[in-house]
Amino acid sequence: MNTNKLAIALLLLHLALTAGMSACTQVVGSDTWRSLDEEAMALYDKGQYDRAVVMEKKALQLAEVALGDRHPYFGILLNNLGLQYEALGQFSLAVTHYKRSLAI
């Protein structure tokens, strides 16, 4: 797959996953995993992708325990981690996380 097709596929995956994001926000409250996810995305927005990955992995671990790995918000966290890996140029890991999130 050439680079342009991969970029388009990643963008489409991201759009599909974020479309339902607002429906899940009522569930999250102020849980620790939610705070970690917010911090990870703030780091992502600042271009601190390595630190964002570390924070997002922690959020995923806690969310899996709190919500289970089939909860829609867990899928959103997987998508966020995919974004961070994509920003680091780790496309294989990004696609893996995008696919996992789509399977939920």
N, C-alpha and C. Protein backbone atom coordinates (compact mmCIF):
# COMPACT_ATOMS: atom_id res chain seq x y z
N MET A 1 0.86 -1.17 0.00
CA MET A 1 0.00 0.00 0.00
C MET A 1 0.90 1.23 0.00
N ASN A 2 0.65 2.16 -0.91
CA ASN A 2 1.51 3.33 -0.94
C ASN A 2 1.16 4.29 0.20
N THR A 3 2.02 5.26 0.42
CA THR A 3 1.90 6.17 1.55
C THR A 3 0.61 6.98 1.51
N ASN A 4 0.21 7.44 0.33
CA ASN A 4 -1.02 8.23 0.22
C ASN A 4 -2.25 7.40 0.60
N LYS A 5 -2.31 6.17 0.14
CA LYS A 5 -3.45 5.31 0.46
C LYS A 5 -3.49 5.01 1.96
N LEU A 6 -2.33 4.79 2.56
CA LEU A 6 -2.26 4.53 4.00
C LEU A 6 -2.73 5.75 4.78
N ALA A 7 -2.30 6.92 4.37
CA ALA A 7 -2.71 8.15 5.06
C ALA A 7 -4.22 8.35 4.96
N ILE A 8 -4.78 8.08 3.79
CA ILE A 8 -6.23 8.21 3.62
C ILE A 8 -6.96 7.19 4.47
N ALA A 9 -6.45 5.95 4.49
CA ALA A 9 -7.09 4.91 5.30
C ALA A 9 -7.05 5.26 6.78
N LEU A 10 -5.93 5.78 7.26
CA LEU A 10 -5.82 6.17 8.66
C LEU A 10 -6.76 7.32 8.99
N LEU A 11 -6.88 8.26 8.09
CA LEU A 11 -7.79 9.38 8.30
C LEU A 11 -9.23 8.90 8.36
N LEU A 12 -9.62 8.01 7.46
CA LEU A 12 -10.98 7.48 7.47
C LEU A 12 -11.28 6.70 8.75
N LEU A 13 -10.31 5.92 9.21
CA LEU A 13 -10.49 5.20 10.47
C LEU A 13 -10.70 6.17 11.61
N HIS A 14 -9.88 7.21 11.65
CA HIS A 14 -10.00 8.21 12.71
C HIS A 14 -11.37 8.88 12.69
N LEU A 15 -11.83 9.25 11.51
CA LEU A 15 -13.14 9.91 11.40
C LEU A 15 -14.27 8.99 11.82
N ALA A 16 -14.18 7.72 11.45
CA ALA A 16 -15.22 6.76 11.83
C ALA A 16 -15.28 6.57 13.34
N LEU A 17 -14.13 6.57 13.97
CA LEU A 17 -14.09 6.34 15.41
C LEU A 17 -14.53 7.56 16.22
N THR A 18 -14.18 8.73 15.77
CA THR A 18 -14.52 9.92 16.54
C THR A 18 -15.97 10.36 16.33
N ALA A 19 -16.64 9.82 15.34
CA ALA A 19 -18.02 10.21 15.08
C ALA A 19 -18.93 9.94 16.27
N GLY A 20 -18.70 8.85 16.98
CA GLY A 20 -19.55 8.51 18.12
C GLY A 20 -18.99 8.93 19.46
N MET A 21 -17.95 9.71 19.47
CA MET A 21 -17.27 10.06 20.71
C MET A 21 -18.16 10.81 21.69
N SER A 22 -18.96 11.75 21.22
CA SER A 22 -19.76 12.57 22.14
C SER A 22 -20.81 11.73 22.86
N ALA A 23 -21.26 10.66 22.26
CA ALA A 23 -22.27 9.81 22.91
C ALA A 23 -21.70 9.09 24.12
N CYS A 24 -20.40 8.95 24.17
CA CYS A 24 -19.77 8.20 25.27
C CYS A 24 -19.34 9.09 26.43
N THR A 25 -19.31 10.39 26.25
CA THR A 25 -18.71 11.25 27.27
C THR A 25 -19.53 11.30 28.56
N GLN A 26 -20.83 11.02 28.51
CA GLN A 26 -21.62 11.05 29.72
C GLN A 26 -21.21 9.95 30.69
N VAL A 27 -20.59 8.89 30.21
CA VAL A 27 -20.24 7.73 31.02
C VAL A 27 -19.00 7.97 31.85
N VAL A 28 -18.13 8.85 31.42
CA VAL A 28 -16.77 8.87 31.95
C VAL A 28 -16.59 9.57 33.28
N GLY A 29 -17.36 10.60 33.57
CA GLY A 29 -17.19 11.30 34.83
C GLY A 29 -15.77 11.80 35.01
N SER A 30 -15.27 11.70 36.23
CA SER A 30 -13.91 12.19 36.52
C SER A 30 -12.99 11.04 36.89
N ASP A 31 -13.20 9.88 36.33
CA ASP A 31 -12.36 8.72 36.62
C ASP A 31 -10.91 8.99 36.27
N THR A 32 -10.03 8.31 36.95
CA THR A 32 -8.59 8.49 36.75
C THR A 32 -8.20 8.23 35.31
N TRP A 33 -8.75 7.18 34.72
CA TRP A 33 -8.38 6.86 33.33
C TRP A 33 -8.80 7.99 32.38
N ARG A 34 -9.92 8.63 32.68
CA ARG A 34 -10.37 9.75 31.85
C ARG A 34 -9.39 10.91 31.96
N SER A 35 -8.94 11.20 33.18
CA SER A 35 -7.98 12.29 33.39
C SER A 35 -6.67 11.99 32.66
N LEU A 36 -6.23 10.74 32.70
CA LEU A 36 -5.00 10.36 32.01
C LEU A 36 -5.16 10.51 30.50
N ASP A 37 -6.33 10.14 29.98
CA ASP A 37 -6.59 10.29 28.55
C ASP A 37 -6.56 11.76 28.16
N GLU A 38 -7.19 12.60 28.96
CA GLU A 38 -7.18 14.04 28.67
C GLU A 38 -5.76 14.60 28.69
N GLU A 39 -4.97 14.15 29.66
CA GLU A 39 -3.58 14.61 29.73
C GLU A 39 -2.79 14.11 28.52
N ALA A 40 -3.03 12.86 28.12
CA ALA A 40 -2.35 12.30 26.96
C ALA A 40 -2.69 13.10 25.70
N MET A 41 -3.94 13.46 25.54
CA MET A 41 -4.33 14.21 24.35
C MET A 41 -3.79 15.64 24.39
N ALA A 42 -3.66 16.21 25.59
CA ALA A 42 -3.03 17.54 25.71
C ALA A 42 -1.56 17.47 25.29
N LEU A 43 -0.89 16.40 25.70
CA LEU A 43 0.51 16.20 25.29
C LEU A 43 0.59 16.01 23.78
N TYR A 44 -0.35 15.26 23.23
CA TYR A 44 -0.42 15.05 21.78
C TYR A 44 -0.57 16.39 21.06
N ASP A 45 -1.47 17.22 21.57
CA ASP A 45 -1.70 18.54 20.96
C ASP A 45 -0.46 19.42 21.00
N LYS A 46 0.40 19.19 22.00
CA LYS A 46 1.65 19.96 22.14
C LYS A 46 2.80 19.34 21.34
N GLY A 47 2.53 18.20 20.68
CA GLY A 47 3.58 17.54 19.91
C GLY A 47 4.49 16.66 20.73
N GLN A 48 4.12 16.37 21.97
CA GLN A 48 4.92 15.52 22.85
C GLN A 48 4.41 14.08 22.76
N TYR A 49 4.60 13.49 21.59
CA TYR A 49 3.97 12.22 21.27
C TYR A 49 4.48 11.05 22.12
N ASP A 50 5.78 11.02 22.40
CA ASP A 50 6.32 9.94 23.24
C ASP A 50 5.66 9.93 24.61
N ARG A 51 5.56 11.10 25.21
CA ARG A 51 4.93 11.21 26.54
C ARG A 51 3.45 10.89 26.46
N ALA A 52 2.81 11.29 25.37
CA ALA A 52 1.39 11.01 25.19
C ALA A 52 1.13 9.51 25.13
N VAL A 53 1.99 8.76 24.45
CA VAL A 53 1.84 7.31 24.35
C VAL A 53 1.90 6.67 25.73
N VAL A 54 2.86 7.09 26.53
CA VAL A 54 3.01 6.54 27.88
C VAL A 54 1.74 6.79 28.70
N MET A 55 1.23 8.00 28.64
CA MET A 55 0.04 8.37 29.40
C MET A 55 -1.19 7.62 28.90
N GLU A 56 -1.32 7.51 27.58
CA GLU A 56 -2.48 6.82 27.00
C GLU A 56 -2.47 5.34 27.34
N LYS A 57 -1.31 4.73 27.38
CA LYS A 57 -1.22 3.31 27.77
C LYS A 57 -1.71 3.10 29.20
N LYS A 58 -1.36 4.03 30.08
CA LYS A 58 -1.85 3.95 31.46
C LYS A 58 -3.37 4.10 31.50
N ALA A 59 -3.88 5.05 30.74
CA ALA A 59 -5.33 5.25 30.68
C ALA A 59 -6.03 3.99 30.17
N LEU A 60 -5.46 3.36 29.16
CA LEU A 60 -6.04 2.13 28.61
C LEU A 60 -6.08 1.02 29.65
N GLN A 61 -5.00 0.86 30.39
CA GLN A 61 -4.95 -0.19 31.41
C GLN A 61 -6.04 0.01 32.45
N LEU A 62 -6.19 1.23 32.93
CA LEU A 62 -7.20 1.52 33.95
C LEU A 62 -8.62 1.41 33.38
N ALA A 63 -8.81 1.87 32.15
CA ALA A 63 -10.14 1.81 31.54
C ALA A 63 -10.55 0.36 31.28
N GLU A 64 -9.60 -0.47 30.92
CA GLU A 64 -9.93 -1.88 30.69
C GLU A 64 -10.45 -2.53 31.97
N VAL A 65 -9.85 -2.20 33.09
CA VAL A 65 -10.30 -2.74 34.38
C VAL A 65 -11.66 -2.15 34.74
N ALA A 66 -11.81 -0.84 34.56
CA ALA A 66 -13.03 -0.16 34.97
C ALA A 66 -14.22 -0.44 34.06
N LEU A 67 -13.97 -0.53 32.76
CA LEU A 67 -15.06 -0.61 31.79
C LEU A 67 -15.13 -1.93 31.03
N GLY A 68 -13.98 -2.58 30.90
CA GLY A 68 -13.89 -3.76 30.05
C GLY A 68 -13.41 -3.37 28.66
N ASP A 69 -12.94 -4.36 27.93
CA ASP A 69 -12.34 -4.07 26.62
C ASP A 69 -13.35 -4.03 25.48
N ARG A 70 -14.64 -4.05 25.80
CA ARG A 70 -15.68 -3.93 24.77
C ARG A 70 -16.48 -2.64 24.90
N HIS A 71 -16.12 -1.82 25.85
CA HIS A 71 -16.83 -0.56 26.07
C HIS A 71 -16.47 0.44 24.97
N PRO A 72 -17.45 1.21 24.49
CA PRO A 72 -17.16 2.18 23.43
C PRO A 72 -16.05 3.17 23.79
N TYR A 73 -15.98 3.59 25.02
CA TYR A 73 -14.94 4.54 25.37
C TYR A 73 -13.56 3.89 25.35
N PHE A 74 -13.48 2.61 25.66
CA PHE A 74 -12.21 1.90 25.53
C PHE A 74 -11.75 1.96 24.07
N GLY A 75 -12.71 1.83 23.15
CA GLY A 75 -12.38 1.94 21.73
C GLY A 75 -11.85 3.32 21.37
N ILE A 76 -12.39 4.34 21.97
CA ILE A 76 -11.91 5.70 21.72
C ILE A 76 -10.48 5.86 22.22
N LEU A 77 -10.18 5.27 23.38
CA LEU A 77 -8.81 5.34 23.89
C LEU A 77 -7.84 4.61 22.96
N LEU A 78 -8.28 3.47 22.42
CA LEU A 78 -7.45 2.76 21.44
C LEU A 78 -7.19 3.64 20.22
N ASN A 79 -8.23 4.33 19.77
CA ASN A 79 -8.08 5.24 18.64
C ASN A 79 -7.09 6.35 18.97
N ASN A 80 -7.20 6.91 20.17
CA ASN A 80 -6.27 7.97 20.57
C ASN A 80 -4.83 7.48 20.57
N LEU A 81 -4.62 6.27 21.06
CA LEU A 81 -3.27 5.71 21.04
C LEU A 81 -2.81 5.52 19.60
N GLY A 82 -3.71 5.11 18.73
CA GLY A 82 -3.37 5.00 17.31
C GLY A 82 -2.92 6.34 16.73
N LEU A 83 -3.62 7.40 17.09
CA LEU A 83 -3.23 8.74 16.63
C LEU A 83 -1.81 9.08 17.07
N GLN A 84 -1.51 8.75 18.31
CA GLN A 84 -0.19 9.08 18.85
C GLN A 84 0.90 8.27 18.16
N TYR A 85 0.63 6.97 17.92
CA TYR A 85 1.61 6.17 17.19
C TYR A 85 1.77 6.68 15.76
N GLU A 86 0.67 7.09 15.15
CA GLU A 86 0.74 7.63 13.79
C GLU A 86 1.62 8.88 13.76
N ALA A 87 1.46 9.74 14.75
CA ALA A 87 2.26 10.97 14.83
C ALA A 87 3.74 10.66 14.99
N LEU A 88 4.04 9.53 15.61
CA LEU A 88 5.44 9.12 15.78
C LEU A 88 5.98 8.40 14.55
N GLY A 89 5.12 8.20 13.56
CA GLY A 89 5.54 7.48 12.35
C GLY A 89 5.52 5.98 12.51
N GLN A 90 4.91 5.50 13.58
CA GLN A 90 4.83 4.06 13.83
C GLN A 90 3.49 3.55 13.29
N PHE A 91 3.42 3.50 11.96
CA PHE A 91 2.15 3.23 11.28
C PHE A 91 1.60 1.84 11.55
N SER A 92 2.46 0.87 11.69
CA SER A 92 2.00 -0.49 11.96
C SER A 92 1.26 -0.54 13.30
N LEU A 93 1.82 0.08 14.32
CA LEU A 93 1.16 0.13 15.63
C LEU A 93 -0.11 0.96 15.56
N ALA A 94 -0.08 2.04 14.79
CA ALA A 94 -1.28 2.88 14.65
C ALA A 94 -2.42 2.07 14.04
N VAL A 95 -2.15 1.37 12.96
CA VAL A 95 -3.19 0.58 12.29
C VAL A 95 -3.71 -0.52 13.21
N THR A 96 -2.82 -1.16 13.96
CA THR A 96 -3.24 -2.20 14.90
C THR A 96 -4.26 -1.65 15.90
N HIS A 97 -3.97 -0.48 16.45
CA HIS A 97 -4.88 0.11 17.44
C HIS A 97 -6.17 0.62 16.80
N TYR A 98 -6.07 1.16 15.58
CA TYR A 98 -7.28 1.59 14.87
C TYR A 98 -8.19 0.38 14.61
N LYS A 99 -7.60 -0.72 14.18
CA LYS A 99 -8.41 -1.92 13.89
C LYS A 99 -9.06 -2.46 15.16
N ARG A 100 -8.30 -2.49 16.25
CA ARG A 100 -8.88 -2.97 17.52
C ARG A 100 -10.05 -2.09 17.95
N SER A 101 -9.89 -0.78 17.76
CA SER A 101 -10.97 0.11 18.19
C SER A 101 -12.20 -0.06 17.30
N LEU A 102 -12.01 -0.29 16.04
CA LEU A 102 -13.14 -0.50 15.14
C LEU A 102 -13.89 -1.81 15.43
N ALA A 103 -13.20 -2.77 16.01
CA ALA A 103 -13.81 -4.07 16.30
C ALA A 103 -14.76 -4.01 17.50
N ILE A 104 -14.71 -2.93 18.25
CA ILE A 104 -15.54 -2.82 19.45
C ILE A 104 -16.96 -2.40 19.09
